[in-house]
Every structure is written in structure tokens, then in C-alpha cells.
Amino acid sequence: MRRILLTLVLVSAAGVASAQTKPNPAGTIGSADAKVRLQTLGYKNVHDLRRGPDGQWVGKATRGNIEKSVTVSPKGSVVAR
């Protein structure tokens, strides 16, 4: 009886723990992904990244000794201004 009760407690605790983790929704990227994407395209000194309400990452980065405002879409495309 104790084994069954212990098993039920462990299974329910594992279910609660797994319910608290939230994977990224399909098609979105995190801040680390946005930074790596920018660095892959030759940007350096990536900073001030913040996610907008539309899911885009906006920040600053340097390319060719010129600091630019950069935007990374949820799909990973980059626009620099």
C-alpha cells in the first residue's frame, strides 16, 4: 500500500513540475538565438536586446565600426537601420 501511495505522489509531483516548464512556441526565437543570429551575420557588440509585443527582438549592434539599430523577427530575419 505504501509503495502505491509513494508512486502516486511521485507521479503527480512530476506532472506538476513538467506543467511549469514552457517551451518556446513554434516559430519563435529567444534572446540568445537572436544574438547568435546577429553574430553569424557579422555583427559585434550586440546589446540592449528586448522583445517587443509583436515577438521581434530589437537592440543595438556594431558592424563595420558603425552602430546600428537591429531587429530580428520571430523567424530569424534581420533588419538593420
Protein backbone atom coordinates (compact mmCIF):
# COMPACT_ATOMS: atom_id res chain seq x y z
CA MET A 1 0.00 0.00 0.00
CA ARG A 2 2.80 2.41 0.85
CA ARG A 3 4.52 1.72 -2.47
CA ILE A 4 1.40 2.54 -4.40
CA LEU A 5 0.85 5.74 -2.43
CA LEU A 6 4.50 6.77 -2.85
CA THR A 7 4.33 6.05 -6.58
CA LEU A 8 1.19 8.20 -6.94
CA VAL A 9 2.81 11.09 -5.05
CA LEU A 10 5.94 10.93 -7.22
CA VAL A 11 3.96 10.76 -10.45
CA SER A 12 1.78 13.71 -9.50
CA ALA A 13 4.83 15.78 -8.45
CA ALA A 14 6.50 15.03 -11.78
CA GLY A 15 3.35 16.13 -13.60
CA VAL A 16 3.26 19.44 -11.75
CA ALA A 17 6.96 20.06 -12.47
CA SER A 18 6.55 19.38 -16.17
CA ALA A 19 3.49 21.63 -16.37
CA GLN A 20 5.54 24.57 -15.09
CA THR A 21 8.08 24.50 -17.93
CA LYS A 22 7.10 26.47 -21.02
CA PRO A 23 8.81 25.62 -24.29
CA ASN A 24 9.18 28.35 -26.92
CA PRO A 25 6.13 28.48 -29.16
CA ALA A 26 6.82 27.14 -32.62
CA GLY A 27 8.48 29.66 -34.87
CA THR A 28 9.86 31.96 -32.16
CA ILE A 29 13.41 32.57 -31.04
CA GLY A 30 14.87 33.59 -27.70
CA SER A 31 17.32 36.37 -26.91
CA ALA A 32 20.33 34.04 -27.13
CA ASP A 33 19.15 32.85 -30.56
CA ALA A 34 18.73 36.45 -31.75
CA LYS A 35 22.23 37.35 -30.55
CA VAL A 36 23.79 34.32 -32.25
CA ARG A 37 21.90 35.13 -35.45
CA LEU A 38 23.31 38.67 -35.45
CA GLN A 39 26.84 37.47 -34.69
CA THR A 40 26.60 34.95 -37.52
CA LEU A 41 25.83 37.85 -39.88
CA GLY A 42 28.95 39.71 -38.73
CA TYR A 43 27.51 41.97 -36.04
CA LYS A 44 29.57 42.57 -32.90
CA ASN A 45 28.87 44.18 -29.53
CA VAL A 46 25.21 43.10 -29.56
CA HIS A 47 23.43 44.76 -26.64
CA ASP A 48 20.13 46.14 -25.33
CA LEU A 49 18.12 43.27 -26.86
CA ARG A 50 14.49 43.39 -25.81
CA ARG A 51 11.42 41.61 -27.12
CA GLY A 52 8.59 43.72 -28.45
CA PRO A 53 4.90 42.84 -28.12
CA ASP A 54 4.98 41.52 -31.70
CA GLY A 55 7.71 38.98 -30.81
CA GLN A 56 10.52 40.83 -32.58
CA TRP A 57 13.86 41.38 -30.86
CA VAL A 58 15.14 44.96 -31.07
CA GLY A 59 18.58 46.12 -29.99
CA LYS A 60 21.88 47.67 -30.98
CA ALA A 61 24.87 46.06 -32.68
CA THR A 62 28.06 47.16 -34.42
CA ARG A 63 29.00 46.16 -37.95
CA GLY A 64 31.91 47.72 -39.79
CA ASN A 65 32.61 50.11 -36.88
CA ILE A 66 29.11 51.58 -37.23
CA GLU A 67 26.50 51.05 -34.52
CA LYS A 68 23.08 50.20 -35.92
CA SER A 69 19.61 49.52 -34.58
CA VAL A 70 18.79 45.91 -35.39
CA THR A 71 15.55 43.98 -35.46
CA VAL A 72 15.32 40.19 -35.50
CA SER A 73 11.93 38.75 -36.44
CA PRO A 74 10.47 35.70 -34.68
CA LYS A 75 11.53 33.65 -37.73
CA GLY A 76 15.13 34.94 -37.58
CA SER A 77 15.28 37.51 -40.38
CA VAL A 78 17.35 40.62 -39.61
CA VAL A 79 16.77 44.29 -40.48
CA ALA A 80 19.40 46.93 -39.63
CA ARG A 81 18.97 50.70 -39.70
